[in-house]
Amino acid sequence: MIYYVIPRELADEYYEEFKRRFADVKGVEVIIDRRIAERRLDAAAGGQRVLRDRRRRRTGGSFPEL
């Protein structure tokens, strides 16, 4: 399924037009973005996202030349 998301500010202008344009295309749905605020803003975290490196750490030391 492919979702064609239209921002709320542009919904009045474009929603019906895109709904008609993609009516015959199977697997495409036109929707309006209804989010009001950013949900990741957390007062405890200071409003900053924390990026973590999940890759496995490399072993220490050096390797002999081949």
N, C-alpha and C. Protein backbone atom coordinates (compact mmCIF):
# COMPACT_ATOMS: atom_id res chain seq x y z
N MET A 1 0.84 -1.17 0.00
CA MET A 1 0.00 0.00 0.00
C MET A 1 0.89 1.24 0.00
N ILE A 2 0.58 2.18 -0.82
CA ILE A 2 1.29 3.46 -0.88
C ILE A 2 0.33 4.54 -0.38
N TYR A 3 0.81 5.32 0.59
CA TYR A 3 0.01 6.41 1.12
C TYR A 3 0.55 7.72 0.59
N TYR A 4 -0.29 8.49 -0.06
CA TYR A 4 0.06 9.82 -0.55
C TYR A 4 -0.44 10.79 0.51
N VAL A 5 0.47 11.35 1.31
CA VAL A 5 0.09 12.18 2.46
C VAL A 5 0.11 13.65 2.07
N ILE A 6 -1.01 14.30 2.31
CA ILE A 6 -1.14 15.73 2.02
C ILE A 6 -1.13 16.49 3.34
N PRO A 7 -0.28 17.51 3.46
CA PRO A 7 -0.26 18.31 4.69
C PRO A 7 -1.61 18.98 4.95
N ARG A 8 -1.92 19.13 6.19
CA ARG A 8 -3.22 19.71 6.59
C ARG A 8 -3.45 21.08 5.96
N GLU A 9 -2.38 21.89 5.86
CA GLU A 9 -2.52 23.24 5.32
C GLU A 9 -2.93 23.24 3.85
N LEU A 10 -2.61 22.17 3.11
CA LEU A 10 -2.92 22.10 1.69
C LEU A 10 -4.10 21.19 1.38
N ALA A 11 -4.71 20.62 2.38
CA ALA A 11 -5.78 19.64 2.17
C ALA A 11 -6.98 20.23 1.44
N ASP A 12 -7.40 21.43 1.80
CA ASP A 12 -8.57 22.03 1.15
C ASP A 12 -8.34 22.22 -0.34
N GLU A 13 -7.12 22.51 -0.69
CA GLU A 13 -6.79 22.81 -2.08
C GLU A 13 -6.53 21.56 -2.93
N TYR A 14 -5.91 20.52 -2.35
CA TYR A 14 -5.44 19.41 -3.15
C TYR A 14 -6.08 18.05 -2.90
N TYR A 15 -6.72 17.85 -1.75
CA TYR A 15 -7.20 16.51 -1.39
C TYR A 15 -8.12 15.91 -2.45
N GLU A 16 -9.17 16.60 -2.83
CA GLU A 16 -10.13 16.07 -3.81
C GLU A 16 -9.48 15.80 -5.16
N GLU A 17 -8.59 16.69 -5.58
CA GLU A 17 -7.92 16.53 -6.86
C GLU A 17 -7.06 15.26 -6.88
N PHE A 18 -6.28 15.05 -5.84
CA PHE A 18 -5.43 13.86 -5.79
C PHE A 18 -6.25 12.60 -5.57
N LYS A 19 -7.34 12.71 -4.85
CA LYS A 19 -8.23 11.55 -4.64
C LYS A 19 -8.78 11.09 -5.99
N ARG A 20 -9.19 12.03 -6.85
CA ARG A 20 -9.67 11.67 -8.18
C ARG A 20 -8.55 11.12 -9.05
N ARG A 21 -7.38 11.75 -8.96
CA ARG A 21 -6.25 11.35 -9.79
C ARG A 21 -5.81 9.91 -9.51
N PHE A 22 -5.83 9.49 -8.26
CA PHE A 22 -5.38 8.15 -7.89
C PHE A 22 -6.52 7.17 -7.63
N ALA A 23 -7.73 7.52 -8.01
CA ALA A 23 -8.88 6.65 -7.76
C ALA A 23 -8.75 5.31 -8.47
N ASP A 24 -8.17 5.29 -9.66
CA ASP A 24 -8.07 4.06 -10.44
C ASP A 24 -6.77 3.31 -10.21
N VAL A 25 -5.88 3.84 -9.41
CA VAL A 25 -4.58 3.20 -9.18
C VAL A 25 -4.70 2.28 -7.97
N LYS A 26 -4.46 1.01 -8.22
CA LYS A 26 -4.57 0.02 -7.14
C LYS A 26 -3.39 0.16 -6.19
N GLY A 27 -3.66 0.16 -4.90
CA GLY A 27 -2.61 0.21 -3.89
C GLY A 27 -2.17 1.60 -3.50
N VAL A 28 -2.88 2.64 -3.95
CA VAL A 28 -2.54 4.01 -3.57
C VAL A 28 -3.72 4.62 -2.83
N GLU A 29 -3.43 5.20 -1.67
CA GLU A 29 -4.48 5.85 -0.89
C GLU A 29 -4.02 7.26 -0.54
N VAL A 30 -4.89 8.23 -0.75
CA VAL A 30 -4.58 9.63 -0.45
C VAL A 30 -5.14 9.94 0.94
N ILE A 31 -4.28 10.44 1.82
CA ILE A 31 -4.70 10.76 3.18
C ILE A 31 -4.22 12.16 3.56
N ILE A 32 -4.85 12.71 4.59
CA ILE A 32 -4.49 14.03 5.11
C ILE A 32 -3.71 13.84 6.40
N ASP A 33 -2.59 14.54 6.52
CA ASP A 33 -1.78 14.49 7.73
C ASP A 33 -2.53 15.23 8.83
N ARG A 34 -2.90 14.54 9.88
CA ARG A 34 -3.71 15.13 10.94
C ARG A 34 -2.93 15.35 12.24
N ARG A 35 -1.61 15.17 12.19
CA ARG A 35 -0.82 15.38 13.41
C ARG A 35 -0.87 16.85 13.82
N ILE A 36 -0.94 17.07 15.11
CA ILE A 36 -1.03 18.42 15.64
C ILE A 36 0.33 18.90 16.14
N ALA A 37 1.06 18.03 16.82
CA ALA A 37 2.36 18.42 17.38
C ALA A 37 3.35 17.29 17.19
N GLU A 38 4.61 17.62 17.32
CA GLU A 38 5.66 16.61 17.24
C GLU A 38 5.61 15.76 18.50
N ARG A 39 5.49 14.47 18.36
CA ARG A 39 5.33 13.60 19.52
C ARG A 39 6.65 13.24 20.17
N ARG A 40 7.76 13.53 19.51
CA ARG A 40 9.06 13.17 20.07
C ARG A 40 9.58 14.23 21.04
N LEU A 41 8.91 15.33 21.17
CA LEU A 41 9.36 16.35 22.10
C LEU A 41 9.06 15.88 23.51
N ASP A 42 10.09 15.70 24.29
CA ASP A 42 9.94 15.21 25.65
C ASP A 42 10.67 16.18 26.57
N ALA A 43 9.98 16.70 27.54
CA ALA A 43 10.58 17.67 28.44
C ALA A 43 11.74 17.07 29.22
N ALA A 44 11.65 15.79 29.58
CA ALA A 44 12.71 15.14 30.35
C ALA A 44 13.99 15.01 29.52
N ALA A 45 13.87 14.83 28.22
CA ALA A 45 15.04 14.67 27.36
C ALA A 45 15.51 15.99 26.78
N GLY A 46 14.87 17.08 27.14
CA GLY A 46 15.28 18.38 26.63
C GLY A 46 14.84 18.62 25.21
N GLY A 47 13.95 17.78 24.68
CA GLY A 47 13.46 17.97 23.33
C GLY A 47 14.42 17.54 22.25
N GLN A 48 15.51 16.89 22.61
CA GLN A 48 16.50 16.45 21.64
C GLN A 48 16.40 14.94 21.43
N ARG A 49 16.49 14.53 20.16
CA ARG A 49 16.52 13.10 19.88
C ARG A 49 17.91 12.57 20.21
N VAL A 50 17.94 11.35 20.69
CA VAL A 50 19.21 10.71 21.01
C VAL A 50 19.49 9.70 19.92
N LEU A 51 20.62 9.86 19.24
CA LEU A 51 21.01 8.92 18.21
C LEU A 51 21.99 7.93 18.82
N ARG A 52 21.71 6.65 18.62
CA ARG A 52 22.56 5.62 19.18
C ARG A 52 23.15 4.79 18.06
N ASP A 53 24.40 4.42 18.22
CA ASP A 53 25.07 3.57 17.26
C ASP A 53 24.87 2.12 17.72
N ARG A 54 24.04 1.37 17.02
CA ARG A 54 23.71 0.01 17.42
C ARG A 54 24.64 -1.04 16.82
N ARG A 55 25.59 -0.59 16.01
CA ARG A 55 26.50 -1.55 15.40
C ARG A 55 27.41 -2.18 16.46
N ARG A 56 27.84 -3.39 16.17
CA ARG A 56 28.72 -4.09 17.08
C ARG A 56 30.07 -3.39 17.16
N ARG A 57 30.59 -3.27 18.35
CA ARG A 57 31.88 -2.63 18.56
C ARG A 57 32.99 -3.51 18.00
N ARG A 58 34.00 -2.87 17.44
CA ARG A 58 35.16 -3.62 16.93
C ARG A 58 36.06 -4.02 18.07
N THR A 59 36.73 -5.13 17.90
CA THR A 59 37.65 -5.57 18.94
C THR A 59 38.87 -4.67 18.96
N GLY A 60 39.44 -4.51 20.11
CA GLY A 60 40.62 -3.67 20.25
C GLY A 60 41.87 -4.36 19.75
N GLY A 61 42.93 -3.64 19.65
CA GLY A 61 44.21 -4.21 19.24
C GLY A 61 44.48 -3.96 17.77
N SER A 62 45.53 -4.58 17.30
CA SER A 62 45.91 -4.40 15.90
C SER A 62 46.04 -5.76 15.25
N PHE A 63 46.03 -5.76 13.94
CA PHE A 63 46.11 -7.00 13.18
C PHE A 63 47.42 -7.01 12.41
N PRO A 64 48.03 -8.18 12.25
CA PRO A 64 49.30 -8.25 11.52
C PRO A 64 49.08 -7.99 10.04
N GLU A 65 50.11 -7.46 9.38
CA GLU A 65 50.06 -7.23 7.95
C GLU A 65 49.98 -8.56 7.23
N LEU A 66 49.28 -8.60 6.14
CA LEU A 66 49.19 -9.83 5.34
C LEU A 66 50.17 -9.82 4.20
